[in-house]
């Protein structure tokens, strides 16, 4: 089992990475710096970052939102894939971790595309106009709050917009009846909300730590 994909052996994970376009030099430096931090496991892997960038490009998304930024690798990947004039709104509460993100965004030349708001994400969301705005939303924050973010994000997605949610298998804990942690229950509830919402068409991928991809009808 790997840290970033509990369904893959180390050998298969290495094979996947060897056959996926590697991150650029600035992203590699960010990955290395983050790996030395005590919360390093919060960072997505290069394969998932590549998928995020690819989805931004394929969908033609121009207006993005991210809930949970950490040291900024996912934001760097998505912002780098934006077309001219595109923007990314990042929501996080940590000045310490996002200070690292800001350094790398500046070095990569994407800082002008990113609006970082340091506040509880639910407050930032509720302060936004209620109508459709975003072409893509990436949710990778405190798992117990996923069900709270969901009703704020979906109405703000444009028709055809994508909602991506990370860690929705929670290393298999979602099917462990004995696991009653607040984080696990939050993910279970979020997954039910997504699956039952007629506004969305959804696939839950057994990739990484579980990634759900929903399209707003």
N, C-alpha and C. Protein backbone atom coordinates (compact mmCIF):
# COMPACT_ATOMS: atom_id res chain seq x y z
N UNK A 1 0.83 -1.20 0.00
CA UNK A 1 0.00 0.00 0.00
C UNK A 1 0.87 1.26 0.00
N UNK A 2 0.47 2.27 -0.75
CA UNK A 2 1.20 3.52 -0.78
C UNK A 2 0.45 4.56 0.06
N UNK A 3 1.15 5.64 0.39
CA UNK A 3 0.50 6.70 1.15
C UNK A 3 -0.59 7.39 0.34
N UNK A 4 -0.37 7.53 -0.97
CA UNK A 4 -1.28 8.32 -1.78
C UNK A 4 -2.37 7.49 -2.45
N UNK A 5 -2.21 6.18 -2.54
CA UNK A 5 -3.24 5.32 -3.12
C UNK A 5 -3.24 4.01 -2.38
N UNK A 6 -4.17 3.84 -1.45
CA UNK A 6 -4.15 2.66 -0.60
C UNK A 6 -4.53 1.39 -1.37
N UNK A 7 -5.00 1.53 -2.61
CA UNK A 7 -5.37 0.36 -3.41
C UNK A 7 -4.22 -0.17 -4.25
N UNK A 8 -3.11 0.54 -4.29
CA UNK A 8 -1.98 0.14 -5.11
C UNK A 8 -0.82 -0.36 -4.27
N UNK A 9 -0.14 -1.37 -4.77
CA UNK A 9 1.12 -1.77 -4.18
C UNK A 9 2.19 -0.73 -4.50
N UNK A 10 3.30 -0.79 -3.80
CA UNK A 10 4.40 0.13 -4.08
C UNK A 10 4.89 -0.03 -5.52
N UNK A 11 4.93 -1.29 -5.99
CA UNK A 11 5.42 -1.55 -7.35
C UNK A 11 4.49 -0.95 -8.40
N UNK A 12 3.18 -1.12 -8.20
CA UNK A 12 2.23 -0.55 -9.16
C UNK A 12 2.23 0.96 -9.11
N UNK A 13 2.36 1.53 -7.91
CA UNK A 13 2.41 2.97 -7.77
C UNK A 13 3.62 3.53 -8.52
N UNK A 14 4.76 2.87 -8.39
CA UNK A 14 5.97 3.30 -9.10
C UNK A 14 5.76 3.20 -10.61
N UNK A 15 5.07 2.16 -11.04
CA UNK A 15 4.80 1.98 -12.47
C UNK A 15 3.92 3.11 -13.00
N UNK A 16 2.86 3.43 -12.24
CA UNK A 16 1.97 4.52 -12.63
C UNK A 16 2.74 5.82 -12.78
N UNK A 17 3.57 6.13 -11.80
CA UNK A 17 4.31 7.39 -11.83
C UNK A 17 5.31 7.41 -12.98
N UNK A 18 5.88 6.25 -13.30
CA UNK A 18 6.86 6.19 -14.39
C UNK A 18 6.20 6.40 -15.75
N UNK A 19 4.89 6.19 -15.82
CA UNK A 19 4.18 6.32 -17.09
C UNK A 19 3.20 7.49 -17.08
N UNK A 20 3.43 8.43 -16.17
CA UNK A 20 2.66 9.66 -16.09
C UNK A 20 3.62 10.83 -16.25
N UNK A 21 3.17 11.87 -16.96
CA UNK A 21 4.04 13.02 -17.15
C UNK A 21 4.47 13.57 -15.80
N UNK A 22 5.76 13.73 -15.56
CA UNK A 22 6.24 14.16 -14.25
C UNK A 22 5.98 15.65 -14.02
N UNK A 23 5.95 16.06 -12.76
CA UNK A 23 5.80 17.50 -12.48
C UNK A 23 7.03 18.26 -12.92
N UNK A 24 6.84 19.55 -13.19
CA UNK A 24 7.95 20.40 -13.59
C UNK A 24 8.88 20.68 -12.41
N UNK A 25 10.01 21.34 -12.68
CA UNK A 25 11.01 21.54 -11.62
C UNK A 25 10.51 22.35 -10.43
N UNK A 26 9.68 23.36 -10.63
CA UNK A 26 9.19 24.15 -9.50
C UNK A 26 8.24 23.29 -8.66
N UNK A 27 7.37 22.55 -9.31
CA UNK A 27 6.47 21.66 -8.58
C UNK A 27 7.26 20.60 -7.82
N UNK A 28 8.33 20.10 -8.40
CA UNK A 28 9.15 19.09 -7.72
C UNK A 28 9.77 19.67 -6.45
N UNK A 29 10.20 20.93 -6.51
CA UNK A 29 10.76 21.56 -5.32
C UNK A 29 9.70 21.74 -4.24
N UNK A 30 8.49 22.09 -4.66
CA UNK A 30 7.39 22.24 -3.71
C UNK A 30 7.06 20.89 -3.06
N UNK A 31 7.03 19.84 -3.87
CA UNK A 31 6.77 18.50 -3.34
C UNK A 31 7.82 18.13 -2.30
N UNK A 32 9.08 18.40 -2.61
CA UNK A 32 10.17 18.05 -1.69
C UNK A 32 10.09 18.85 -0.39
N UNK A 33 9.81 20.14 -0.49
CA UNK A 33 9.72 20.95 0.73
C UNK A 33 8.54 20.49 1.60
N UNK A 34 7.41 20.19 0.96
CA UNK A 34 6.24 19.74 1.70
C UNK A 34 6.48 18.39 2.35
N UNK A 35 7.24 17.53 1.69
CA UNK A 35 7.50 16.18 2.21
C UNK A 35 8.21 16.20 3.55
N UNK A 36 8.90 17.29 3.84
CA UNK A 36 9.63 17.41 5.11
C UNK A 36 8.76 17.93 6.25
N UNK A 37 7.51 18.28 5.96
CA UNK A 37 6.62 18.84 6.97
C UNK A 37 5.89 17.73 7.73
N UNK A 38 5.50 18.00 8.97
CA UNK A 38 4.79 16.97 9.75
C UNK A 38 3.43 16.59 9.17
N UNK A 39 2.83 17.48 8.40
CA UNK A 39 1.52 17.21 7.79
C UNK A 39 1.65 16.85 6.31
N UNK A 40 2.78 16.31 5.92
CA UNK A 40 3.06 16.05 4.51
C UNK A 40 2.02 15.17 3.83
N UNK A 41 1.37 14.30 4.59
CA UNK A 41 0.39 13.41 4.00
C UNK A 41 -0.83 14.11 3.43
N UNK A 42 -1.00 15.40 3.74
CA UNK A 42 -2.13 16.15 3.20
C UNK A 42 -1.92 16.54 1.74
N UNK A 43 -0.70 16.43 1.24
CA UNK A 43 -0.41 16.83 -0.14
C UNK A 43 -0.84 15.75 -1.12
N UNK A 44 -1.49 16.15 -2.21
CA UNK A 44 -1.84 15.19 -3.25
C UNK A 44 -0.58 14.74 -3.97
N UNK A 45 -0.68 13.62 -4.68
CA UNK A 45 0.44 13.11 -5.43
C UNK A 45 0.53 13.71 -6.82
N UNK A 46 1.66 13.53 -7.51
CA UNK A 46 1.83 14.09 -8.85
C UNK A 46 0.83 13.55 -9.87
N UNK A 47 0.41 12.28 -9.71
CA UNK A 47 -0.57 11.74 -10.64
C UNK A 47 -1.92 12.43 -10.50
N UNK A 48 -2.33 12.69 -9.27
CA UNK A 48 -3.59 13.39 -9.06
C UNK A 48 -3.49 14.85 -9.50
N UNK A 49 -2.37 15.48 -9.24
CA UNK A 49 -2.18 16.86 -9.71
C UNK A 49 -2.25 16.91 -11.23
N UNK A 50 -1.66 15.93 -11.89
CA UNK A 50 -1.73 15.88 -13.35
C UNK A 50 -3.16 15.72 -13.84
N UNK A 51 -3.95 14.91 -13.13
CA UNK A 51 -5.36 14.74 -13.51
C UNK A 51 -6.13 16.04 -13.35
N UNK A 52 -5.90 16.75 -12.24
CA UNK A 52 -6.58 18.03 -12.04
C UNK A 52 -6.28 19.00 -13.18
N UNK A 53 -5.00 19.11 -13.53
CA UNK A 53 -4.61 20.01 -14.62
C UNK A 53 -5.26 19.59 -15.92
N UNK A 54 -5.28 18.29 -16.17
CA UNK A 54 -5.87 17.79 -17.41
C UNK A 54 -7.36 18.08 -17.47
N UNK A 55 -8.06 17.92 -16.35
CA UNK A 55 -9.50 18.20 -16.33
C UNK A 55 -9.78 19.69 -16.54
N UNK A 56 -8.93 20.55 -16.00
CA UNK A 56 -9.09 21.98 -16.26
C UNK A 56 -8.97 22.26 -17.75
N UNK A 57 -7.97 21.66 -18.38
CA UNK A 57 -7.75 21.90 -19.81
C UNK A 57 -8.87 21.29 -20.65
N UNK A 58 -9.24 20.05 -20.37
CA UNK A 58 -10.27 19.37 -21.16
C UNK A 58 -11.60 20.10 -21.07
N UNK A 59 -11.96 20.53 -19.86
CA UNK A 59 -13.26 21.17 -19.65
C UNK A 59 -13.30 22.62 -20.12
N UNK A 60 -12.12 23.21 -20.34
CA UNK A 60 -12.08 24.62 -20.69
C UNK A 60 -12.44 25.53 -19.53
N UNK A 61 -12.30 25.02 -18.32
CA UNK A 61 -12.67 25.79 -17.13
C UNK A 61 -11.85 27.07 -17.02
N UNK A 62 -12.52 28.14 -16.62
CA UNK A 62 -11.86 29.44 -16.48
C UNK A 62 -11.98 29.99 -15.05
N UNK A 63 -13.00 29.58 -14.34
CA UNK A 63 -13.25 30.11 -13.00
C UNK A 63 -13.31 28.92 -12.03
N UNK A 64 -12.28 28.80 -11.18
CA UNK A 64 -12.13 27.64 -10.31
C UNK A 64 -12.20 28.05 -8.84
N UNK A 65 -12.56 27.07 -8.00
CA UNK A 65 -12.49 27.27 -6.55
C UNK A 65 -11.91 26.01 -5.91
N UNK A 66 -11.07 26.23 -4.92
CA UNK A 66 -10.47 25.12 -4.18
C UNK A 66 -10.74 25.32 -2.70
N UNK A 67 -11.25 24.27 -2.06
CA UNK A 67 -11.48 24.29 -0.61
C UNK A 67 -10.40 23.42 0.02
N UNK A 68 -9.44 24.05 0.67
CA UNK A 68 -8.31 23.33 1.26
C UNK A 68 -7.09 23.41 0.35
N UNK A 69 -6.14 24.27 0.68
CA UNK A 69 -5.02 24.56 -0.21
C UNK A 69 -3.69 24.01 0.30
N UNK A 70 -3.50 23.95 1.62
CA UNK A 70 -2.27 23.45 2.24
C UNK A 70 -1.07 24.22 1.68
N UNK A 71 -0.06 23.54 1.12
CA UNK A 71 1.12 24.24 0.60
C UNK A 71 1.01 24.57 -0.88
N UNK A 72 -0.15 24.34 -1.46
CA UNK A 72 -0.42 24.92 -2.78
C UNK A 72 -0.12 24.10 -4.00
N UNK A 73 0.16 22.79 -3.86
CA UNK A 73 0.52 22.00 -5.04
C UNK A 73 -0.67 21.82 -5.98
N UNK A 74 -1.84 21.47 -5.44
CA UNK A 74 -3.01 21.31 -6.31
C UNK A 74 -3.37 22.63 -6.98
N UNK A 75 -3.28 23.73 -6.23
CA UNK A 75 -3.56 25.04 -6.81
C UNK A 75 -2.58 25.38 -7.91
N UNK A 76 -1.31 25.07 -7.68
CA UNK A 76 -0.29 25.32 -8.70
C UNK A 76 -0.60 24.55 -9.98
N UNK A 77 -0.99 23.28 -9.83
CA UNK A 77 -1.31 22.47 -11.00
C UNK A 77 -2.50 23.03 -11.76
N UNK A 78 -3.56 23.40 -11.06
CA UNK A 78 -4.76 23.90 -11.73
C UNK A 78 -4.55 25.28 -12.32
N UNK A 79 -3.90 26.17 -11.57
CA UNK A 79 -3.68 27.53 -12.07
C UNK A 79 -2.79 27.51 -13.31
N UNK A 80 -1.83 26.61 -13.34
CA UNK A 80 -0.93 26.51 -14.50
C UNK A 80 -1.67 26.06 -15.74
N UNK A 81 -2.81 25.36 -15.56
CA UNK A 81 -3.58 24.85 -16.69
C UNK A 81 -4.66 25.82 -17.16
N UNK A 82 -4.85 26.91 -16.43
CA UNK A 82 -5.91 27.87 -16.80
C UNK A 82 -5.59 28.59 -18.10
N UNK A 83 -6.62 28.91 -18.89
CA UNK A 83 -6.40 29.75 -20.06
C UNK A 83 -6.18 31.20 -19.65
N UNK A 84 -5.77 32.02 -20.57
CA UNK A 84 -5.58 33.45 -20.32
C UNK A 84 -6.85 34.04 -19.73
N UNK A 85 -6.71 34.77 -18.64
CA UNK A 85 -7.86 35.39 -18.01
C UNK A 85 -8.55 34.52 -16.99
N UNK A 86 -8.11 33.27 -16.82
CA UNK A 86 -8.72 32.38 -15.85
C UNK A 86 -8.30 32.72 -14.44
N UNK A 87 -9.07 32.24 -13.46
CA UNK A 87 -8.77 32.56 -12.06
C UNK A 87 -9.14 31.39 -11.16
N UNK A 88 -8.47 31.34 -10.01
CA UNK A 88 -8.68 30.31 -9.01
C UNK A 88 -8.84 30.96 -7.65
N UNK A 89 -9.95 30.69 -6.99
CA UNK A 89 -10.19 31.16 -5.63
C UNK A 89 -9.81 30.04 -4.67
N UNK A 90 -8.84 30.29 -3.80
CA UNK A 90 -8.37 29.29 -2.84
C UNK A 90 -8.86 29.65 -1.44
N UNK A 91 -9.40 28.66 -0.74
CA UNK A 91 -9.92 28.87 0.61
C UNK A 91 -9.13 28.02 1.59
N UNK A 92 -8.53 28.66 2.58
CA UNK A 92 -7.77 27.94 3.60
C UNK A 92 -7.73 28.79 4.86
N UNK A 93 -7.27 28.17 5.96
CA UNK A 93 -7.21 28.91 7.23
C UNK A 93 -5.78 29.07 7.74
N UNK A 94 -4.80 28.45 7.07
CA UNK A 94 -3.44 28.45 7.60
C UNK A 94 -2.54 29.45 6.88
N UNK A 95 -2.12 30.46 7.61
CA UNK A 95 -1.13 31.40 7.07
C UNK A 95 0.21 30.70 6.89
N UNK A 96 0.55 29.79 7.81
CA UNK A 96 1.84 29.11 7.77
C UNK A 96 2.00 28.27 6.51
N UNK A 97 1.04 27.40 6.22
CA UNK A 97 1.18 26.51 5.06
C UNK A 97 1.03 27.29 3.75
N UNK A 98 0.08 28.22 3.71
CA UNK A 98 -0.15 28.94 2.45
C UNK A 98 0.96 29.94 2.15
N UNK A 99 1.76 30.31 3.15
CA UNK A 99 2.94 31.15 2.87
C UNK A 99 3.91 30.39 1.98
N UNK A 100 4.03 29.09 2.18
CA UNK A 100 4.84 28.26 1.29
C UNK A 100 4.22 28.28 -0.10
N UNK A 101 2.91 28.10 -0.17
CA UNK A 101 2.21 28.11 -1.46
C UNK A 101 2.48 29.39 -2.23
N UNK A 102 2.37 30.52 -1.55
CA UNK A 102 2.55 31.80 -2.23
C UNK A 102 3.94 31.92 -2.87
N UNK A 103 4.95 31.43 -2.19
CA UNK A 103 6.32 31.50 -2.75
C UNK A 103 6.42 30.76 -4.07
N UNK A 104 5.83 29.58 -4.10
CA UNK A 104 5.93 28.78 -5.32
C UNK A 104 5.00 29.29 -6.42
N UNK A 105 3.86 29.83 -6.05
CA UNK A 105 2.98 30.42 -7.06
C UNK A 105 3.68 31.60 -7.75
N UNK A 106 4.38 32.40 -6.95
CA UNK A 106 5.11 33.54 -7.54
C UNK A 106 6.21 33.04 -8.48
N UNK A 107 6.95 32.04 -8.03
CA UNK A 107 8.04 31.52 -8.86
C UNK A 107 7.52 30.92 -10.16
N UNK A 108 6.34 30.31 -10.12
CA UNK A 108 5.76 29.69 -11.31
C UNK A 108 5.03 30.68 -12.20
N UNK A 109 4.89 31.92 -11.75
CA UNK A 109 4.23 32.93 -12.55
C UNK A 109 2.72 32.81 -12.59
N UNK A 110 2.11 32.19 -11.57
CA UNK A 110 0.66 32.03 -11.57
C UNK A 110 -0.01 32.78 -10.41
N UNK A 111 0.77 33.51 -9.61
CA UNK A 111 0.21 34.18 -8.43
C UNK A 111 -0.90 35.15 -8.79
N UNK A 112 -0.81 35.77 -9.96
CA UNK A 112 -1.83 36.74 -10.36
C UNK A 112 -3.15 36.08 -10.74
N UNK A 113 -3.16 34.76 -10.89
CA UNK A 113 -4.39 34.04 -11.22
C UNK A 113 -5.10 33.51 -9.98
N UNK A 114 -4.45 33.63 -8.81
CA UNK A 114 -4.94 32.99 -7.60
C UNK A 114 -5.35 34.02 -6.56
N UNK A 115 -6.57 33.89 -6.08
CA UNK A 115 -7.10 34.73 -5.00
C UNK A 115 -7.19 33.86 -3.75
N UNK A 116 -6.25 34.02 -2.82
CA UNK A 116 -6.23 33.23 -1.60
C UNK A 116 -6.97 33.97 -0.49
N UNK A 117 -7.95 33.31 0.10
CA UNK A 117 -8.72 33.91 1.19
C UNK A 117 -8.53 33.07 2.45
N UNK A 118 -7.93 33.69 3.45
CA UNK A 118 -7.65 33.01 4.71
C UNK A 118 -8.80 33.26 5.69
N UNK A 119 -9.67 32.28 5.76
CA UNK A 119 -10.85 32.33 6.62
C UNK A 119 -11.49 30.95 6.57
N UNK A 120 -12.34 30.61 7.51
CA UNK A 120 -13.08 29.36 7.37
C UNK A 120 -13.79 29.31 6.02
N UNK A 121 -13.60 28.22 5.31
CA UNK A 121 -14.12 28.15 3.93
C UNK A 121 -15.62 28.32 3.87
N UNK A 122 -16.33 27.84 4.89
CA UNK A 122 -17.78 27.97 4.86
C UNK A 122 -18.19 29.44 4.88
N UNK A 123 -17.42 30.28 5.58
CA UNK A 123 -17.71 31.71 5.61
C UNK A 123 -17.43 32.35 4.26
N UNK A 124 -16.31 31.96 3.66
CA UNK A 124 -15.97 32.49 2.33
C UNK A 124 -17.04 32.11 1.32
N UNK A 125 -17.49 30.85 1.36
CA UNK A 125 -18.51 30.39 0.42
C UNK A 125 -19.82 31.15 0.60
N UNK A 126 -20.24 31.29 1.82
CA UNK A 126 -21.54 31.93 2.08
C UNK A 126 -21.52 33.42 1.77
N UNK A 127 -20.33 34.00 1.71
CA UNK A 127 -20.23 35.41 1.36
C UNK A 127 -20.25 35.64 -0.15
N UNK A 128 -20.13 34.57 -0.93
CA UNK A 128 -20.14 34.69 -2.39
C UNK A 128 -21.58 34.85 -2.89
N UNK A 129 -21.76 35.49 -4.05
CA UNK A 129 -23.09 35.53 -4.66
C UNK A 129 -23.63 34.12 -4.84
N UNK A 130 -24.93 33.91 -4.66
CA UNK A 130 -25.47 32.55 -4.65
C UNK A 130 -25.61 31.89 -6.02
N UNK A 131 -25.51 32.63 -7.10
CA UNK A 131 -25.75 32.07 -8.42
C UNK A 131 -24.57 31.32 -8.99
N UNK A 132 -24.79 30.63 -10.13
CA UNK A 132 -23.72 29.86 -10.78
C UNK A 132 -22.56 30.75 -11.18
N UNK A 133 -21.36 30.29 -10.87
CA UNK A 133 -20.15 31.05 -11.20
C UNK A 133 -19.00 30.15 -11.62
N UNK A 134 -18.79 29.06 -10.89
CA UNK A 134 -17.56 28.28 -11.06
C UNK A 134 -17.71 27.18 -12.11
N UNK A 135 -16.63 26.98 -12.85
CA UNK A 135 -16.56 25.90 -13.83
C UNK A 135 -16.03 24.61 -13.21
N UNK A 136 -15.28 24.75 -12.13
CA UNK A 136 -14.70 23.57 -11.47
C UNK A 136 -14.42 23.90 -10.02
N UNK A 137 -14.78 22.96 -9.15
CA UNK A 137 -14.50 23.08 -7.71
C UNK A 137 -13.75 21.84 -7.26
N UNK A 138 -12.68 22.06 -6.47
CA UNK A 138 -11.91 20.95 -5.91
C UNK A 138 -12.00 21.02 -4.40
N UNK A 139 -12.53 19.96 -3.80
CA UNK A 139 -12.76 19.90 -2.36
C UNK A 139 -11.75 18.94 -1.74
N UNK A 140 -10.89 19.49 -0.86
CA UNK A 140 -9.86 18.67 -0.21
C UNK A 140 -9.51 19.33 1.12
N UNK A 141 -10.51 19.39 2.01
CA UNK A 141 -10.33 20.10 3.28
C UNK A 141 -10.73 19.19 4.43
N UNK A 142 -11.19 19.78 5.53
CA UNK A 142 -11.59 19.01 6.72
C UNK A 142 -12.79 18.12 6.38
N UNK A 143 -12.58 16.81 6.51
CA UNK A 143 -13.55 15.83 6.00
C UNK A 143 -14.90 15.92 6.70
N UNK A 144 -14.90 16.25 7.99
CA UNK A 144 -16.16 16.33 8.71
C UNK A 144 -17.05 17.45 8.20
N UNK A 145 -16.45 18.43 7.49
CA UNK A 145 -17.24 19.55 6.97
C UNK A 145 -17.65 19.36 5.52
N UNK A 146 -17.25 18.28 4.88
CA UNK A 146 -17.65 18.06 3.48
C UNK A 146 -19.17 18.22 3.28
N UNK A 147 -20.00 17.65 4.15
CA UNK A 147 -21.44 17.83 3.94
C UNK A 147 -21.91 19.27 4.04
N UNK A 148 -21.17 20.11 4.77
CA UNK A 148 -21.53 21.53 4.87
C UNK A 148 -21.12 22.29 3.62
N UNK A 149 -19.99 21.91 3.03
CA UNK A 149 -19.53 22.59 1.83
C UNK A 149 -20.41 22.25 0.62
N UNK A 150 -20.91 21.03 0.60
CA UNK A 150 -21.66 20.55 -0.57
C UNK A 150 -22.81 21.47 -0.98
N UNK A 151 -23.74 21.83 -0.08
CA UNK A 151 -24.87 22.67 -0.52
C UNK A 151 -24.47 24.10 -0.87
N UNK A 152 -23.27 24.51 -0.48
CA UNK A 152 -22.79 25.84 -0.87
C UNK A 152 -22.12 25.81 -2.23
N UNK A 153 -21.49 24.69 -2.57
CA UNK A 153 -20.75 24.59 -3.83
C UNK A 153 -21.65 24.31 -5.02
N UNK A 154 -22.58 23.36 -4.88
CA UNK A 154 -23.35 22.92 -6.05
C UNK A 154 -24.13 24.06 -6.71
N UNK A 155 -24.86 24.90 -5.98
CA UNK A 155 -25.58 25.99 -6.64
C UNK A 155 -24.67 27.01 -7.31
N UNK A 156 -23.40 27.03 -6.93
CA UNK A 156 -22.46 27.98 -7.50
C UNK A 156 -21.68 27.40 -8.68
N UNK A 157 -22.01 26.16 -9.05
CA UNK A 157 -21.42 25.57 -10.25
C UNK A 157 -22.26 25.91 -11.47
N UNK A 158 -21.60 26.27 -12.53
CA UNK A 158 -22.32 26.50 -13.78
C UNK A 158 -22.78 25.17 -14.37
N UNK A 159 -23.82 25.16 -15.20
CA UNK A 159 -24.20 23.93 -15.90
C UNK A 159 -22.98 23.37 -16.65
N UNK A 160 -22.71 22.10 -16.47
CA UNK A 160 -21.52 21.50 -17.05
C UNK A 160 -20.30 21.61 -16.16
N UNK A 161 -20.41 22.34 -15.05
CA UNK A 161 -19.29 22.50 -14.13
C UNK A 161 -19.00 21.22 -13.37
N UNK A 162 -17.77 21.09 -12.92
CA UNK A 162 -17.30 19.88 -12.25
C UNK A 162 -17.07 20.12 -10.76
N UNK A 163 -17.49 19.15 -9.96
CA UNK A 163 -17.18 19.12 -8.54
C UNK A 163 -16.30 17.90 -8.29
N UNK A 164 -15.07 18.13 -7.86
CA UNK A 164 -14.12 17.05 -7.56
C UNK A 164 -13.91 17.02 -6.06
N UNK A 165 -14.00 15.84 -5.47
CA UNK A 165 -13.82 15.70 -4.03
C UNK A 165 -12.80 14.60 -3.75
N UNK A 166 -11.79 14.94 -2.97
CA UNK A 166 -10.69 14.02 -2.68
C UNK A 166 -10.95 13.25 -1.38
N UNK A 167 -10.28 12.10 -1.24
CA UNK A 167 -10.30 11.28 -0.02
C UNK A 167 -11.67 10.70 0.31
N UNK A 168 -12.48 10.43 -0.70
CA UNK A 168 -13.86 9.99 -0.43
C UNK A 168 -13.96 8.49 -0.13
N UNK A 169 -12.83 7.77 -0.15
CA UNK A 169 -12.81 6.39 0.36
C UNK A 169 -12.12 6.31 1.71
N UNK A 170 -11.35 7.33 2.05
CA UNK A 170 -10.76 7.48 3.39
C UNK A 170 -10.03 6.21 3.81
N UNK A 171 -9.15 5.77 2.90
CA UNK A 171 -8.36 4.54 3.11
C UNK A 171 -9.22 3.35 3.49
N UNK A 172 -10.41 3.28 2.90
CA UNK A 172 -11.31 2.15 3.11
C UNK A 172 -12.20 2.28 4.33
N UNK A 173 -12.03 3.34 5.11
CA UNK A 173 -12.80 3.47 6.36
C UNK A 173 -14.30 3.63 6.10
N UNK A 174 -14.69 4.07 4.92
CA UNK A 174 -16.11 4.30 4.64
C UNK A 174 -16.94 3.02 4.71
N UNK A 175 -16.30 1.86 4.56
CA UNK A 175 -17.04 0.60 4.63
C UNK A 175 -16.75 -0.16 5.93
N UNK A 176 -16.07 0.47 6.85
CA UNK A 176 -15.78 -0.13 8.15
C UNK A 176 -16.85 0.32 9.14
N UNK A 177 -17.78 -0.57 9.44
CA UNK A 177 -18.92 -0.20 10.30
C UNK A 177 -18.48 0.22 11.71
N UNK A 178 -17.30 -0.23 12.12
CA UNK A 178 -16.83 0.11 13.45
C UNK A 178 -16.21 1.50 13.52
N UNK A 179 -15.94 2.10 12.37
CA UNK A 179 -15.28 3.40 12.34
C UNK A 179 -16.34 4.50 12.43
N UNK A 180 -16.42 5.15 13.56
CA UNK A 180 -17.40 6.21 13.78
C UNK A 180 -16.74 7.57 14.00
N UNK A 181 -15.53 7.71 13.50
CA UNK A 181 -14.87 9.02 13.61
C UNK A 181 -15.69 10.08 12.89
N UNK A 182 -15.56 11.30 13.38
CA UNK A 182 -16.30 12.41 12.77
C UNK A 182 -15.92 12.59 11.31
N UNK A 183 -14.64 12.43 11.00
CA UNK A 183 -14.18 12.58 9.63
C UNK A 183 -14.79 11.51 8.73
N UNK A 184 -14.82 10.27 9.21
CA UNK A 184 -15.37 9.17 8.41
C UNK A 184 -16.86 9.37 8.19
N UNK A 185 -17.57 9.75 9.23
CA UNK A 185 -19.01 9.97 9.09
C UNK A 185 -19.29 11.13 8.14
N UNK A 186 -18.43 12.15 8.17
CA UNK A 186 -18.60 13.27 7.26
C UNK A 186 -18.47 12.86 5.81
N UNK A 187 -17.50 12.02 5.53
CA UNK A 187 -17.30 11.56 4.16
C UNK A 187 -18.45 10.67 3.72
N UNK A 188 -18.90 9.77 4.62
CA UNK A 188 -20.03 8.91 4.27
C UNK A 188 -21.26 9.75 3.91
N UNK A 189 -21.53 10.76 4.73
CA UNK A 189 -22.70 11.61 4.47
C UNK A 189 -22.53 12.37 3.17
N UNK A 190 -21.33 12.90 2.94
CA UNK A 190 -21.07 13.61 1.69
C UNK A 190 -21.30 12.70 0.49
N UNK A 191 -20.78 11.49 0.54
CA UNK A 191 -20.94 10.56 -0.58
C UNK A 191 -22.41 10.25 -0.85
N UNK A 192 -23.20 10.12 0.21
CA UNK A 192 -24.64 9.89 0.03
C UNK A 192 -25.30 11.10 -0.61
N UNK A 193 -24.95 12.30 -0.14
CA UNK A 193 -25.52 13.51 -0.71
C UNK A 193 -25.23 13.62 -2.20
N UNK A 194 -23.99 13.34 -2.58
CA UNK A 194 -23.59 13.43 -3.98
C UNK A 194 -24.35 12.41 -4.82
N UNK A 195 -24.40 11.17 -4.34
CA UNK A 195 -25.02 10.09 -5.12
C UNK A 195 -26.52 10.29 -5.30
N UNK A 196 -27.16 10.97 -4.35
CA UNK A 196 -28.61 11.12 -4.38
C UNK A 196 -29.08 12.44 -5.01
N UNK A 197 -28.16 13.29 -5.42
CA UNK A 197 -28.52 14.61 -5.92
C UNK A 197 -28.79 14.57 -7.42
N UNK A 198 -30.02 14.86 -7.81
CA UNK A 198 -30.41 14.80 -9.22
C UNK A 198 -29.78 15.89 -10.06
N UNK A 199 -29.19 16.89 -9.42
CA UNK A 199 -28.54 17.95 -10.19
C UNK A 199 -27.19 17.51 -10.75
N UNK A 200 -26.71 16.36 -10.29
CA UNK A 200 -25.37 15.92 -10.62
C UNK A 200 -25.38 14.56 -11.30
N UNK A 201 -24.40 14.35 -12.18
CA UNK A 201 -24.07 13.00 -12.63
C UNK A 201 -22.66 12.72 -12.10
N UNK A 202 -22.49 11.57 -11.46
CA UNK A 202 -21.31 11.35 -10.62
C UNK A 202 -20.69 9.99 -10.86
N UNK A 203 -19.36 9.96 -10.80
CA UNK A 203 -18.63 8.70 -10.72
C UNK A 203 -17.64 8.81 -9.57
N UNK A 204 -17.58 7.77 -8.74
CA UNK A 204 -16.61 7.72 -7.66
C UNK A 204 -15.49 6.79 -8.10
N UNK A 205 -14.32 7.34 -8.28
CA UNK A 205 -13.19 6.57 -8.80
C UNK A 205 -12.38 5.95 -7.67
N UNK A 206 -12.06 4.65 -7.77
CA UNK A 206 -11.17 4.03 -6.80
C UNK A 206 -9.72 4.34 -7.13
N UNK A 207 -9.42 5.61 -7.15
CA UNK A 207 -8.06 6.09 -7.46
C UNK A 207 -7.61 7.00 -6.33
N UNK A 208 -6.28 7.05 -6.12
CA UNK A 208 -5.72 7.87 -5.05
C UNK A 208 -6.33 7.38 -3.71
N UNK A 209 -6.98 8.25 -2.96
CA UNK A 209 -7.69 7.83 -1.75
C UNK A 209 -9.19 7.93 -1.98
N UNK A 210 -9.58 7.75 -3.24
CA UNK A 210 -10.97 7.93 -3.64
C UNK A 210 -11.19 9.34 -4.14
N UNK A 211 -11.60 9.47 -5.40
CA UNK A 211 -11.87 10.78 -5.99
C UNK A 211 -13.24 10.73 -6.66
N UNK A 212 -14.16 11.54 -6.20
CA UNK A 212 -15.45 11.61 -6.87
C UNK A 212 -15.45 12.79 -7.85
N UNK A 213 -16.01 12.54 -9.02
CA UNK A 213 -16.12 13.56 -10.06
C UNK A 213 -17.60 13.69 -10.42
N UNK A 214 -18.14 14.87 -10.19
CA UNK A 214 -19.54 15.13 -10.47
C UNK A 214 -19.65 16.27 -11.49
N UNK A 215 -20.60 16.12 -12.40
CA UNK A 215 -20.88 17.17 -13.39
C UNK A 215 -22.25 17.74 -13.12
N UNK A 216 -22.32 19.07 -13.03
CA UNK A 216 -23.62 19.74 -12.82
C UNK A 216 -24.41 19.68 -14.12
N UNK A 217 -25.63 19.15 -14.02
CA UNK A 217 -26.47 19.02 -15.21
C UNK A 217 -26.92 20.39 -15.71
